[in-house]
Amino acid sequence: MILVIADLRFVLMEDCPPFPTKYASQSVRDAYDRWTKANDKARLHMFASMSDILSKKHEIMVTARQIMDSLREMFGQPSIQIKQEENVGHSKRFAPSSSGSEKIQKRKEGKG
């Protein structure tokens, strides 16, 4: 996923730091700025990957985490897990059945 590549994934796991007060240290301000900028980028990447209908539904959500949680509620498990399960199902679907093996064996013996 692009969020991992762009080092934005932390916004899905970490809460937004509190808004810095007037007297906050520079490191507190930097942490807040880093998180908000990463969150904005993550939201943009997510919206760019969605259909218009899904984008419209989620545009009111402020954080990338809220969007991801909503998508998980709508579609269930993360897409990586779905792809792994599809691969397992796909390989089972195309595995030779016992009846298929029997037909092949009968042909070899000249019975089918």
PDB file of N, CA and C in Angstrom:
ATOM      1  N   MET A   1       0.842  -1.174   0.000  1.00  0.00           N
ATOM      2  CA  MET A   1       0.000   0.000   0.000  1.00  0.00           C
ATOM      3  C   MET A   1       0.887   1.237   0.000  1.00  0.00           C
ATOM      4  N   ILE A   2       0.442   2.275  -0.619  1.00  0.00           N
ATOM      5  CA  ILE A   2       1.202   3.514  -0.741  1.00  0.00           C
ATOM      6  C   ILE A   2       1.526   4.113   0.619  1.00  0.00           C
ATOM      7  N   LEU A   3       0.651   3.950   1.597  1.00  0.00           N
ATOM      8  CA  LEU A   3       0.902   4.536   2.917  1.00  0.00           C
ATOM      9  C   LEU A   3       2.161   3.967   3.543  1.00  0.00           C
ATOM     10  N   VAL A   4       2.450   2.714   3.279  1.00  0.00           N
ATOM     11  CA  VAL A   4       3.664   2.091   3.810  1.00  0.00           C
ATOM     12  C   VAL A   4       4.883   2.638   3.074  1.00  0.00           C
ATOM     13  N   ILE A   5       4.790   2.719   1.771  1.00  0.00           N
ATOM     14  CA  ILE A   5       5.904   3.201   0.958  1.00  0.00           C
ATOM     15  C   ILE A   5       6.241   4.651   1.302  1.00  0.00           C
ATOM     16  N   ALA A   6       5.232   5.474   1.458  1.00  0.00           N
ATOM     17  CA  ALA A   6       5.447   6.897   1.713  1.00  0.00           C
ATOM     18  C   ALA A   6       5.690   7.197   3.194  1.00  0.00           C
ATOM     19  N   ASP A   7       5.832   6.173   4.029  1.00  0.00           N
ATOM     20  CA  ASP A   7       6.070   6.338   5.463  1.00  0.00           C
ATOM     21  C   ASP A   7       4.957   7.145   6.130  1.00  0.00           C
ATOM     22  N   LEU A   8       3.732   6.859   5.735  1.00  0.00           N
ATOM     23  CA  LEU A   8       2.577   7.547   6.299  1.00  0.00           C
ATOM     24  C   LEU A   8       1.743   6.632   7.184  1.00  0.00           C
ATOM     25  N   ARG A   9       2.141   5.391   7.267  1.00  0.00           N
ATOM     26  CA  ARG A   9       1.347   4.389   7.969  1.00  0.00           C
ATOM     27  C   ARG A   9       1.115   4.737   9.444  1.00  0.00           C
ATOM     28  N   PHE A  10       2.043   5.462  10.047  1.00  0.00           N
ATOM     29  CA  PHE A  10       1.919   5.766  11.467  1.00  0.00           C
ATOM     30  C   PHE A  10       0.636   6.521  11.800  1.00  0.00           C
ATOM     31  N   VAL A  11       0.062   7.260  10.840  1.00  0.00           N
ATOM     32  CA  VAL A  11      -1.175   7.992  11.134  1.00  0.00           C
ATOM     33  C   VAL A  11      -2.361   7.049  11.310  1.00  0.00           C
ATOM     34  N   LEU A  12      -2.227   5.801  10.846  1.00  0.00           N
ATOM     35  CA  LEU A  12      -3.286   4.813  11.052  1.00  0.00           C
ATOM     36  C   LEU A  12      -3.209   4.198  12.444  1.00  0.00           C
ATOM     37  N   MET A  13      -2.064   4.341  13.105  1.00  0.00           N
ATOM     38  CA  MET A  13      -1.861   3.693  14.403  1.00  0.00           C
ATOM     39  C   MET A  13      -1.722   4.680  15.560  1.00  0.00           C
ATOM     40  N   GLU A  14      -1.249   5.868  15.282  1.00  0.00           N
ATOM     41  CA  GLU A  14      -1.017   6.850  16.342  1.00  0.00           C
ATOM     42  C   GLU A  14      -2.109   7.911  16.325  1.00  0.00           C
ATOM     43  N   ASP A  15      -2.518   8.318  17.517  1.00  0.00           N
ATOM     44  CA  ASP A  15      -3.469   9.425  17.616  1.00  0.00           C
ATOM     45  C   ASP A  15      -2.763  10.725  17.270  1.00  0.00           C
ATOM     46  N   CYS A  16      -3.547  11.679  16.849  1.00  0.00           N
ATOM     47  CA  CYS A  16      -2.998  12.998  16.564  1.00  0.00           C
ATOM     48  C   CYS A  16      -2.484  13.617  17.862  1.00  0.00           C
ATOM     49  N   PRO A  17      -1.273  14.140  17.834  1.00  0.00           N
ATOM     50  CA  PRO A  17      -0.785  14.831  19.036  1.00  0.00           C
ATOM     51  C   PRO A  17      -1.672  16.043  19.331  1.00  0.00           C
ATOM     52  N   PRO A  18      -1.741  16.453  20.581  1.00  0.00           N
ATOM     53  CA  PRO A  18      -2.564  17.619  20.914  1.00  0.00           C
ATOM     54  C   PRO A  18      -2.073  18.871  20.172  1.00  0.00           C
ATOM     55  N   PHE A  19      -3.005  19.745  19.898  1.00  0.00           N
ATOM     56  CA  PHE A  19      -2.656  21.008  19.247  1.00  0.00           C
ATOM     57  C   PHE A  19      -1.681  21.759  20.147  1.00  0.00           C
ATOM     58  N   PRO A  20      -0.560  22.213  19.599  1.00  0.00           N
ATOM     59  CA  PRO A  20       0.441  22.874  20.444  1.00  0.00           C
ATOM     60  C   PRO A  20      -0.069  24.201  21.010  1.00  0.00           C
ATOM     61  N   THR A  21       0.221  24.410  22.264  1.00  0.00           N
ATOM     62  CA  THR A  21      -0.144  25.676  22.901  1.00  0.00           C
ATOM     63  C   THR A  21       0.825  26.763  22.448  1.00  0.00           C
ATOM     64  N   LYS A  22       0.530  27.954  22.810  1.00  0.00           N
ATOM     65  CA  LYS A  22       1.365  29.101  22.452  1.00  0.00           C
ATOM     66  C   LYS A  22       2.803  28.927  22.954  1.00  0.00           C
ATOM     67  N   TYR A  23       2.944  28.265  24.098  1.00  0.00           N
ATOM     68  CA  TYR A  23       4.261  28.119  24.721  1.00  0.00           C
ATOM     69  C   TYR A  23       4.866  26.719  24.524  1.00  0.00           C
ATOM     70  N   ALA A  24       4.318  25.950  23.602  1.00  0.00           N
ATOM     71  CA  ALA A  24       4.821  24.592  23.367  1.00  0.00           C
ATOM     72  C   ALA A  24       6.228  24.634  22.786  1.00  0.00           C
ATOM     73  N   SER A  25       6.990  23.606  23.093  1.00  0.00           N
ATOM     74  CA  SER A  25       8.361  23.516  22.572  1.00  0.00           C
ATOM     75  C   SER A  25       8.326  23.250  21.067  1.00  0.00           C
ATOM     76  N   GLN A  26       9.444  23.467  20.433  1.00  0.00           N
ATOM     77  CA  GLN A  26       9.543  23.242  18.991  1.00  0.00           C
ATOM     78  C   GLN A  26       9.312  21.770  18.646  1.00  0.00           C
ATOM     79  N   SER A  27       9.789  20.863  19.493  1.00  0.00           N
ATOM     80  CA  SER A  27       9.605  19.430  19.207  1.00  0.00           C
ATOM     81  C   SER A  27       8.128  19.046  19.261  1.00  0.00           C
ATOM     82  N   VAL A  28       7.366  19.658  20.156  1.00  0.00           N
ATOM     83  CA  VAL A  28       5.921  19.403  20.230  1.00  0.00           C
ATOM     84  C   VAL A  28       5.247  19.931  18.967  1.00  0.00           C
ATOM     85  N   ARG A  29       5.638  21.123  18.545  1.00  0.00           N
ATOM     86  CA  ARG A  29       5.076  21.700  17.308  1.00  0.00           C
ATOM     87  C   ARG A  29       5.438  20.849  16.092  1.00  0.00           C
ATOM     88  N   ASP A  30       6.689  20.403  16.044  1.00  0.00           N
ATOM     89  CA  ASP A  30       7.142  19.573  14.917  1.00  0.00           C
ATOM     90  C   ASP A  30       6.379  18.253  14.848  1.00  0.00           C
ATOM     91  N   ALA A  31       6.156  17.638  16.002  1.00  0.00           N
ATOM     92  CA  ALA A  31       5.417  16.364  16.036  1.00  0.00           C
ATOM     93  C   ALA A  31       3.993  16.561  15.528  1.00  0.00           C
ATOM     94  N   TYR A  32       3.358  17.639  15.956  1.00  0.00           N
ATOM     95  CA  TYR A  32       1.995  17.934  15.511  1.00  0.00           C
ATOM     96  C   TYR A  32       1.977  18.197  14.001  1.00  0.00           C
ATOM     97  N   ASP A  33       2.903  19.022  13.530  1.00  0.00           N
ATOM     98  CA  ASP A  33       2.965  19.339  12.096  1.00  0.00           C
ATOM     99  C   ASP A  33       3.235  18.092  11.259  1.00  0.00           C
ATOM    100  N   ARG A  34       4.152  17.258  11.710  1.00  0.00           N
ATOM    101  CA  ARG A  34       4.476  16.020  10.982  1.00  0.00           C
ATOM    102  C   ARG A  34       3.239  15.137  10.871  1.00  0.00           C
ATOM    103  N   TRP A  35       2.516  14.964  11.980  1.00  0.00           N
ATOM    104  CA  TRP A  35       1.347  14.091  11.985  1.00  0.00           C
ATOM    105  C   TRP A  35       0.255  14.653  11.077  1.00  0.00           C
ATOM    106  N   THR A  36      -0.033  15.961  11.185  1.00  0.00           N
ATOM    107  CA  THR A  36      -1.122  16.528  10.384  1.00  0.00           C
ATOM    108  C   THR A  36      -0.796  16.501   8.888  1.00  0.00           C
ATOM    109  N   LYS A  37       0.457  16.775   8.541  1.00  0.00           N
ATOM    110  CA  LYS A  37       0.841  16.711   7.120  1.00  0.00           C
ATOM    111  C   LYS A  37       0.753  15.277   6.593  1.00  0.00           C
ATOM    112  N   ALA A  38       1.224  14.327   7.381  1.00  0.00           N
ATOM    113  CA  ALA A  38       1.152  12.918   6.970  1.00  0.00           C
ATOM    114  C   ALA A  38      -0.299  12.463   6.860  1.00  0.00           C
ATOM    115  N   ASN A  39      -1.143  12.898   7.781  1.00  0.00           N
ATOM    116  CA  ASN A  39      -2.561  12.536   7.737  1.00  0.00           C
ATOM    117  C   ASN A  39      -3.214  13.086   6.464  1.00  0.00           C
ATOM    118  N   ASP A  40      -2.912  14.337   6.135  1.00  0.00           N
ATOM    119  CA  ASP A  40      -3.471  14.929   4.915  1.00  0.00           C
ATOM    120  C   ASP A  40      -3.029  14.155   3.671  1.00  0.00           C
ATOM    121  N   LYS A  41      -1.747  13.797   3.608  1.00  0.00           N
ATOM    122  CA  LYS A  41      -1.244  13.021   2.469  1.00  0.00           C
ATOM    123  C   LYS A  41      -1.907  11.649   2.406  1.00  0.00           C
ATOM    124  N   ALA A  42      -2.028  11.006   3.558  1.00  0.00           N
ATOM    125  CA  ALA A  42      -2.644   9.674   3.607  1.00  0.00           C
ATOM    126  C   ALA A  42      -4.089   9.739   3.123  1.00  0.00           C
ATOM    127  N   ARG A  43      -4.826  10.742   3.576  1.00  0.00           N
ATOM    128  CA  ARG A  43      -6.219  10.902   3.134  1.00  0.00           C
ATOM    129  C   ARG A  43      -6.280  11.078   1.615  1.00  0.00           C
ATOM    130  N   LEU A  44      -5.388  11.905   1.074  1.00  0.00           N
ATOM    131  CA  LEU A  44      -5.379  12.125  -0.377  1.00  0.00           C
ATOM    132  C   LEU A  44      -5.080  10.839  -1.141  1.00  0.00           C
ATOM    133  N   HIS A  45      -4.102  10.074  -0.671  1.00  0.00           N
ATOM    134  CA  HIS A  45      -3.791   8.790  -1.314  1.00  0.00           C
ATOM    135  C   HIS A  45      -4.994   7.850  -1.236  1.00  0.00           C
ATOM    136  N   MET A  46      -5.651   7.832  -0.087  1.00  0.00           N
ATOM    137  CA  MET A  46      -6.806   6.946   0.082  1.00  0.00           C
ATOM    138  C   MET A  46      -7.942   7.359  -0.849  1.00  0.00           C
ATOM    139  N   PHE A  47      -8.233   8.659  -0.906  1.00  0.00           N
ATOM    140  CA  PHE A  47      -9.309   9.132  -1.776  1.00  0.00           C
ATOM    141  C   PHE A  47      -8.994   8.868  -3.246  1.00  0.00           C
ATOM    142  N   ALA A  48      -7.738   8.999  -3.622  1.00  0.00           N
ATOM    143  CA  ALA A  48      -7.349   8.746  -5.014  1.00  0.00           C
ATOM    144  C   ALA A  48      -7.534   7.280  -5.390  1.00  0.00           C
ATOM    145  N   SER A  49      -7.525   6.396  -4.396  1.00  0.00           N
ATOM    146  CA  SER A  49      -7.666   4.959  -4.648  1.00  0.00           C
ATOM    147  C   SER A  49      -9.111   4.482  -4.576  1.00  0.00           C
ATOM    148  N   MET A  50     -10.024   5.366  -4.222  1.00  0.00           N
ATOM    149  CA  MET A  50     -11.429   4.979  -4.024  1.00  0.00           C
ATOM    150  C   MET A  50     -12.292   5.391  -5.205  1.00  0.00           C
ATOM    151  N   SER A  51     -13.450   4.770  -5.255  1.00  0.00           N
ATOM    152  CA  SER A  51     -14.462   5.205  -6.212  1.00  0.00           C
ATOM    153  C   SER A  51     -15.006   6.556  -5.743  1.00  0.00           C
ATOM    154  N   ASP A  52     -15.659   7.267  -6.644  1.00  0.00           N
ATOM    155  CA  ASP A  52     -16.232   8.568  -6.288  1.00  0.00           C
ATOM    156  C   ASP A  52     -17.258   8.444  -5.166  1.00  0.00           C
ATOM    157  N   ILE A  53     -18.031   7.371  -5.190  1.00  0.00           N
ATOM    158  CA  ILE A  53     -19.064   7.170  -4.170  1.00  0.00           C
ATOM    159  C   ILE A  53     -18.428   7.009  -2.794  1.00  0.00           C
ATOM    160  N   LEU A  54     -17.391   6.184  -2.706  1.00  0.00           N
ATOM    161  CA  LEU A  54     -16.715   5.989  -1.420  1.00  0.00           C
ATOM    162  C   LEU A  54     -16.015   7.268  -0.967  1.00  0.00           C
ATOM    163  N   SER A  55     -15.403   7.983  -1.887  1.00  0.00           N
ATOM    164  CA  SER A  55     -14.733   9.239  -1.535  1.00  0.00           C
ATOM    165  C   SER A  55     -15.724  10.231  -0.945  1.00  0.00           C
ATOM    166  N   LYS A  56     -16.866  10.348  -1.582  1.00  0.00           N
ATOM    167  CA  LYS A  56     -17.898  11.286  -1.107  1.00  0.00           C
ATOM    168  C   LYS A  56     -18.364  10.899   0.289  1.00  0.00           C
ATOM    169  N   LYS A  57     -18.552   9.616   0.523  1.00  0.00           N
ATOM    170  CA  LYS A  57     -19.019   9.139   1.827  1.00  0.00           C
ATOM    171  C   LYS A  57     -18.001   9.427   2.931  1.00  0.00           C
ATOM    172  N   HIS A  58     -16.721   9.376   2.607  1.00  0.00           N
ATOM    173  CA  HIS A  58     -15.670   9.497   3.617  1.00  0.00           C
ATOM    174  C   HIS A  58     -15.035  10.882   3.719  1.00  0.00           C
ATOM    175  N   GLU A  59     -15.412  11.803   2.841  1.00  0.00           N
ATOM    176  CA  GLU A  59     -14.741  13.102   2.843  1.00  0.00           C
ATOM    177  C   GLU A  59     -14.952  13.899   4.127  1.00  0.00           C
ATOM    178  N   ILE A  60     -15.994  13.610   4.884  1.00  0.00           N
ATOM    179  CA  ILE A  60     -16.230  14.337   6.137  1.00  0.00           C
ATOM    180  C   ILE A  60     -15.333  13.843   7.271  1.00  0.00           C
ATOM    181  N   MET A  61     -14.710  12.695   7.074  1.00  0.00           N
ATOM    182  CA  MET A  61     -13.849  12.128   8.119  1.00  0.00           C
ATOM    183  C   MET A  61     -12.514  12.867   8.138  1.00  0.00           C
ATOM    184  N   VAL A  62     -12.067  13.185   9.348  1.00  0.00           N
ATOM    185  CA  VAL A  62     -10.892  14.031   9.524  1.00  0.00           C
ATOM    186  C   VAL A  62      -9.586  13.257   9.446  1.00  0.00           C
ATOM    187  N   THR A  63      -9.590  12.020   9.921  1.00  0.00           N
ATOM    188  CA  THR A  63      -8.329  11.277   9.971  1.00  0.00           C
ATOM    189  C   THR A  63      -8.345  10.068   9.038  1.00  0.00           C
ATOM    190  N   ALA A  64      -7.152   9.706   8.600  1.00  0.00           N
ATOM    191  CA  ALA A  64      -6.988   8.512   7.768  1.00  0.00           C
ATOM    192  C   ALA A  64      -7.424   7.270   8.541  1.00  0.00           C
ATOM    193  N   ARG A  65      -7.202   7.272   9.840  1.00  0.00           N
ATOM    194  CA  ARG A  65      -7.615   6.131  10.668  1.00  0.00           C
ATOM    195  C   ARG A  65      -9.135   5.968  10.652  1.00  0.00           C
ATOM    196  N   GLN A  66      -9.873   7.076  10.735  1.00  0.00           N
ATOM    197  CA  GLN A  66     -11.338   7.002  10.673  1.00  0.00           C
ATOM    198  C   GLN A  66     -11.788   6.401   9.345  1.00  0.00           C
ATOM    199  N   ILE A  67     -11.155   6.821   8.276  1.00  0.00           N
ATOM    200  CA  ILE A  67     -11.501   6.296   6.950  1.00  0.00           C
ATOM    201  C   ILE A  67     -11.213   4.803   6.886  1.00  0.00           C
ATOM    202  N   MET A  68     -10.038   4.398   7.349  1.00  0.00           N
ATOM    203  CA  MET A  68      -9.661   2.982   7.315  1.00  0.00           C
ATOM    204  C   MET A  68     -10.608   2.146   8.171  1.00  0.00           C
ATOM    205  N   ASP A  69     -10.955   2.641   9.352  1.00  0.00           N
ATOM    206  CA  ASP A  69     -11.892   1.910  10.214  1.00  0.00           C
ATOM    207  C   ASP A  69     -13.248   1.758   9.542  1.00  0.00           C
ATOM    208  N   SER A  70     -13.704   2.813   8.886  1.00  0.00           N
ATOM    209  CA  SER A  70     -14.983   2.753   8.182  1.00  0.00           C
ATOM    210  C   SER A  70     -14.936   1.741   7.041  1.00  0.00           C
ATOM    211  N   LEU A  71     -13.840   1.737   6.292  1.00  0.00           N
ATOM    212  CA  LEU A  71     -13.700   0.777   5.191  1.00  0.00           C
ATOM    213  C   LEU A  71     -13.660  -0.655   5.710  1.00  0.00           C
ATOM    214  N   ARG A  72     -12.997  -0.858   6.838  1.00  0.00           N
ATOM    215  CA  ARG A  72     -12.962  -2.205   7.428  1.00  0.00           C
ATOM    216  C   ARG A  72     -14.357  -2.643   7.852  1.00  0.00           C
ATOM    217  N   GLU A  73     -15.143  -1.714   8.405  1.00  0.00           N
ATOM    218  CA  GLU A  73     -16.523  -2.053   8.776  1.00  0.00           C
ATOM    219  C   GLU A  73     -17.341  -2.404   7.545  1.00  0.00           C
ATOM    220  N   MET A  74     -17.139  -1.652   6.467  1.00  0.00           N
ATOM    221  CA  MET A  74     -17.916  -1.884   5.251  1.00  0.00           C
ATOM    222  C   MET A  74     -17.519  -3.172   4.538  1.00  0.00           C
ATOM    223  N   PHE A  75     -16.230  -3.424   4.447  1.00  0.00           N
ATOM    224  CA  PHE A  75     -15.741  -4.523   3.621  1.00  0.00           C
ATOM    225  C   PHE A  75     -15.126  -5.669   4.402  1.00  0.00           C
ATOM    226  N   GLY A  76     -15.056  -5.546   5.700  1.00  0.00           N
ATOM    227  CA  GLY A  76     -14.514  -6.640   6.496  1.00  0.00           C
ATOM    228  C   GLY A  76     -13.029  -6.537   6.685  1.00  0.00           C
ATOM    229  N   GLN A  77     -12.340  -7.573   6.265  1.00  0.00           N
ATOM    230  CA  GLN A  77     -10.917  -7.708   6.559  1.00  0.00           C
ATOM    231  C   GLN A  77     -10.050  -6.877   5.620  1.00  0.00           C
ATOM    232  N   PRO A  78      -8.809  -6.640   6.026  1.00  0.00           N
ATOM    233  CA  PRO A  78      -7.888  -5.899   5.164  1.00  0.00           C
ATOM    234  C   PRO A  78      -7.668  -6.610   3.835  1.00  0.00           C
ATOM    235  N   SER A  79      -7.426  -5.851   2.799  1.00  0.00           N
ATOM    236  CA  SER A  79      -7.315  -6.413   1.453  1.00  0.00           C
ATOM    237  C   SER A  79      -6.193  -7.430   1.327  1.00  0.00           C
ATOM    238  N   ILE A  80      -5.117  -7.271   2.051  1.00  0.00           N
ATOM    239  CA  ILE A  80      -4.005  -8.232   1.968  1.00  0.00           C
ATOM    240  C   ILE A  80      -4.465  -9.617   2.412  1.00  0.00           C
ATOM    241  N   GLN A  81      -5.288  -9.666   3.455  1.00  0.00           N
ATOM    242  CA  GLN A  81      -5.790 -10.946   3.952  1.00  0.00           C
ATOM    243  C   GLN A  81      -6.742 -11.563   2.934  1.00  0.00           C
ATOM    244  N   ILE A  82      -7.557 -10.739   2.306  1.00  0.00           N
ATOM    245  CA  ILE A  82      -8.487 -11.231   1.291  1.00  0.00           C
ATOM    246  C   ILE A  82      -7.705 -11.846   0.132  1.00  0.00           C
ATOM    247  N   LYS A  83      -6.638 -11.173  -0.318  1.00  0.00           N
ATOM    248  CA  LYS A  83      -5.847 -11.690  -1.437  1.00  0.00           C
ATOM    249  C   LYS A  83      -5.203 -13.020  -1.091  1.00  0.00           C
ATOM    250  N   GLN A  84      -4.725 -13.167   0.141  1.00  0.00           N
ATOM    251  CA  GLN A  84      -4.125 -14.434   0.545  1.00  0.00           C
ATOM    252  C   GLN A  84      -5.169 -15.544   0.509  1.00  0.00           C
ATOM    253  N   GLU A  85      -6.384 -15.241   0.984  1.00  0.00           N
ATOM    254  CA  GLU A  85      -7.443 -16.250   0.976  1.00  0.00           C
ATOM    255  C   GLU A  85      -7.877 -16.576  -0.446  1.00  0.00           C
ATOM    256  N   GLU A  86      -7.901 -15.567  -1.330  1.00  0.00           N
ATOM    257  CA  GLU A  86      -8.250 -15.823  -2.724  1.00  0.00           C
ATOM    258  C   GLU A  86      -7.235 -16.762  -3.365  1.00  0.00           C
ATOM    259  N   ASN A  87      -5.963 -16.551  -3.068  1.00  0.00           N
ATOM    260  CA  ASN A  87      -4.921 -17.412  -3.637  1.00  0.00           C
ATOM    261  C   ASN A  87      -5.093 -18.852  -3.180  1.00  0.00           C
ATOM    262  N   VAL A  88      -5.439 -19.055  -1.919  1.00  0.00           N
ATOM    263  CA  VAL A  88      -5.661 -20.404  -1.407  1.00  0.00           C
ATOM    264  C   VAL A  88      -6.868 -21.016  -2.100  1.00  0.00           C
ATOM    265  N   GLY A  89      -7.965 -20.254  -2.204  1.00  0.00           N
ATOM    266  CA  GLY A  89      -9.168 -20.749  -2.871  1.00  0.00           C
ATOM    267  C   GLY A  89      -8.919 -21.042  -4.331  1.00  0.00           C
ATOM    268  N   HIS A  90      -8.133 -20.193  -4.982  1.00  0.00           N
ATOM    269  CA  HIS A  90      -7.819 -20.376  -6.398  1.00  0.00           C
ATOM    270  C   HIS A  90      -7.030 -21.663  -6.617  1.00  0.00           C
ATOM    271  N   SER A  91      -6.062 -21.917  -5.772  1.00  0.00           N
ATOM    272  CA  SER A  91      -5.257 -23.128  -5.952  1.00  0.00           C
ATOM    273  C   SER A  91      -6.080 -24.375  -5.672  1.00  0.00           C
ATOM    274  N   LYS A  92      -7.022 -24.305  -4.739  1.00  0.00           N
ATOM    275  CA  LYS A  92      -7.884 -25.462  -4.462  1.00  0.00           C
ATOM    276  C   LYS A  92      -8.841 -25.706  -5.619  1.00  0.00           C
ATOM    277  N   ARG A  93      -9.323 -24.626  -6.212  1.00  0.00           N
ATOM    278  CA  ARG A  93     -10.289 -24.739  -7.285  1.00  0.00           C
ATOM    279  C   ARG A  93      -9.692 -25.444  -8.498  1.00  0.00           C
ATOM    280  N   PHE A  94      -8.415 -25.242  -8.756  1.00  0.00           N
ATOM    281  CA  PHE A  94      -7.797 -25.817  -9.938  1.00  0.00           C
ATOM    282  C   PHE A  94      -6.970 -27.066  -9.646  1.00  0.00           C
ATOM    283  N   ALA A  95      -7.051 -27.555  -8.434  1.00  0.00           N
ATOM    284  CA  ALA A  95      -6.371 -28.814  -8.109  1.00  0.00           C
ATOM    285  C   ALA A  95      -7.171 -29.953  -8.728  1.00  0.00           C
ATOM    286  N   PRO A  96      -6.512 -30.979  -9.235  1.00  0.00           N
ATOM    287  CA  PRO A  96      -7.259 -32.086  -9.851  1.00  0.00           C
ATOM    288  C   PRO A  96      -8.113 -32.807  -8.819  1.00  0.00           C
ATOM    289  N   SER A  97      -9.327 -33.098  -9.208  1.00  0.00           N
ATOM    290  CA  SER A  97     -10.222 -33.831  -8.312  1.00  0.00           C
ATOM    291  C   SER A  97      -9.927 -35.319  -8.427  1.00  0.00           C
ATOM    292  N   SER A  98     -10.439 -36.068  -7.480  1.00  0.00           N
ATOM    293  CA  SER A  98     -10.207 -37.513  -7.536  1.00  0.00           C
ATOM    294  C   SER A  98     -10.911 -38.111  -8.751  1.00  0.00           C
ATOM    295  N   SER A  99     -12.101 -37.588  -9.091  1.00  0.00           N
ATOM    296  CA  SER A  99     -12.799 -38.134 -10.254  1.00  0.00           C
ATOM    297  C   SER A  99     -12.042 -37.799 -11.535  1.00  0.00           C
ATOM    298  N   GLY A 100     -11.403 -36.619 -11.578  1.00  0.00           N
ATOM    299  CA  GLY A 100     -10.589 -36.260 -12.738  1.00  0.00           C
ATOM    300  C   GLY A 100      -9.398 -37.188 -12.869  1.00  0.00           C
ATOM    301  N   SER A 101      -8.788 -37.529 -11.760  1.00  0.00           N
ATOM    302  CA  SER A 101      -7.643 -38.447 -11.773  1.00  0.00           C
ATOM    303  C   SER A 101      -8.074 -39.827 -12.235  1.00  0.00           C
ATOM    304  N   GLU A 102      -9.258 -40.244 -11.800  1.00  0.00           N
ATOM    305  CA  GLU A 102      -9.768 -41.561 -12.207  1.00  0.00           C
ATOM    306  C   GLU A 102     -10.010 -41.596 -13.711  1.00  0.00           C
ATOM    307  N   LYS A 103     -10.546 -40.501 -14.268  1.00  0.00           N
ATOM    308  CA  LYS A 103     -10.799 -40.444 -15.710  1.00  0.00           C
ATOM    309  C   LYS A 103      -9.491 -40.548 -16.492  1.00  0.00           C
ATOM    310  N   ILE A 104      -8.477 -39.836 -16.020  1.00  0.00           N
ATOM    311  CA  ILE A 104      -7.168 -39.888 -16.687  1.00  0.00           C
ATOM    312  C   ILE A 104      -6.609 -41.305 -16.632  1.00  0.00           C
ATOM    313  N   GLN A 105      -6.716 -41.954 -15.478  1.00  0.00           N
ATOM    314  CA  GLN A 105      -6.194 -43.315 -15.316  1.00  0.00           C
ATOM    315  C   GLN A 105      -6.935 -44.283 -16.238  1.00  0.00           C
ATOM    316  N   LYS A 106      -8.273 -44.136 -16.365  1.00  0.00           N
ATOM    317  CA  LYS A 106      -9.051 -45.017 -17.236  1.00  0.00           C
ATOM    318  C   LYS A 106      -8.626 -44.849 -18.691  1.00  0.00           C
ATOM    319  N   ARG A 107      -8.348 -43.595 -19.097  1.00  0.00           N
ATOM    320  CA  ARG A 107      -7.910 -43.355 -20.475  1.00  0.00           C
ATOM    321  C   ARG A 107      -6.575 -44.048 -20.736  1.00  0.00           C
ATOM    322  N   LYS A 108      -5.694 -43.963 -19.756  1.00  0.00           N
ATOM    323  CA  LYS A 108      -4.384 -44.601 -19.911  1.00  0.00           C
ATOM    324  C   LYS A 108      -4.536 -46.112 -20.045  1.00  0.00           C
ATOM    325  N   GLU A 109      -5.523 -46.664 -19.348  1.00  0.00           N
ATOM    326  CA  GLU A 109      -5.728 -48.113 -19.385  1.00  0.00           C
ATOM    327  C   GLU A 109      -6.568 -48.523 -20.592  1.00  0.00           C
ATOM    328  N   GLY A 110      -7.080 -47.522 -21.335  1.00  0.00           N
ATOM    329  CA  GLY A 110      -7.882 -47.817 -22.508  1.00  0.00           C
ATOM    330  C   GLY A 110      -9.324 -48.144 -22.190  1.00  0.00           C
ATOM    331  N   LYS A 111      -9.801 -47.734 -20.996  1.00  0.00           N
ATOM    332  CA  LYS A 111     -11.176 -48.048 -20.604  1.00  0.00           C
ATOM    333  C   LYS A 111     -12.122 -46.878 -20.835  1.00  0.00           C
ATOM    334  N   GLY A 112     -11.649 -45.677 -21.142  1.00  0.00           N
ATOM    335  CA  GLY A 112     -12.547 -44.540 -21.186  1.00  0.00           C
ATOM    336  C   GLY A 112     -12.616 -43.828 -22.420  1.00  0.00           C
TER     337      GLY A 112
END
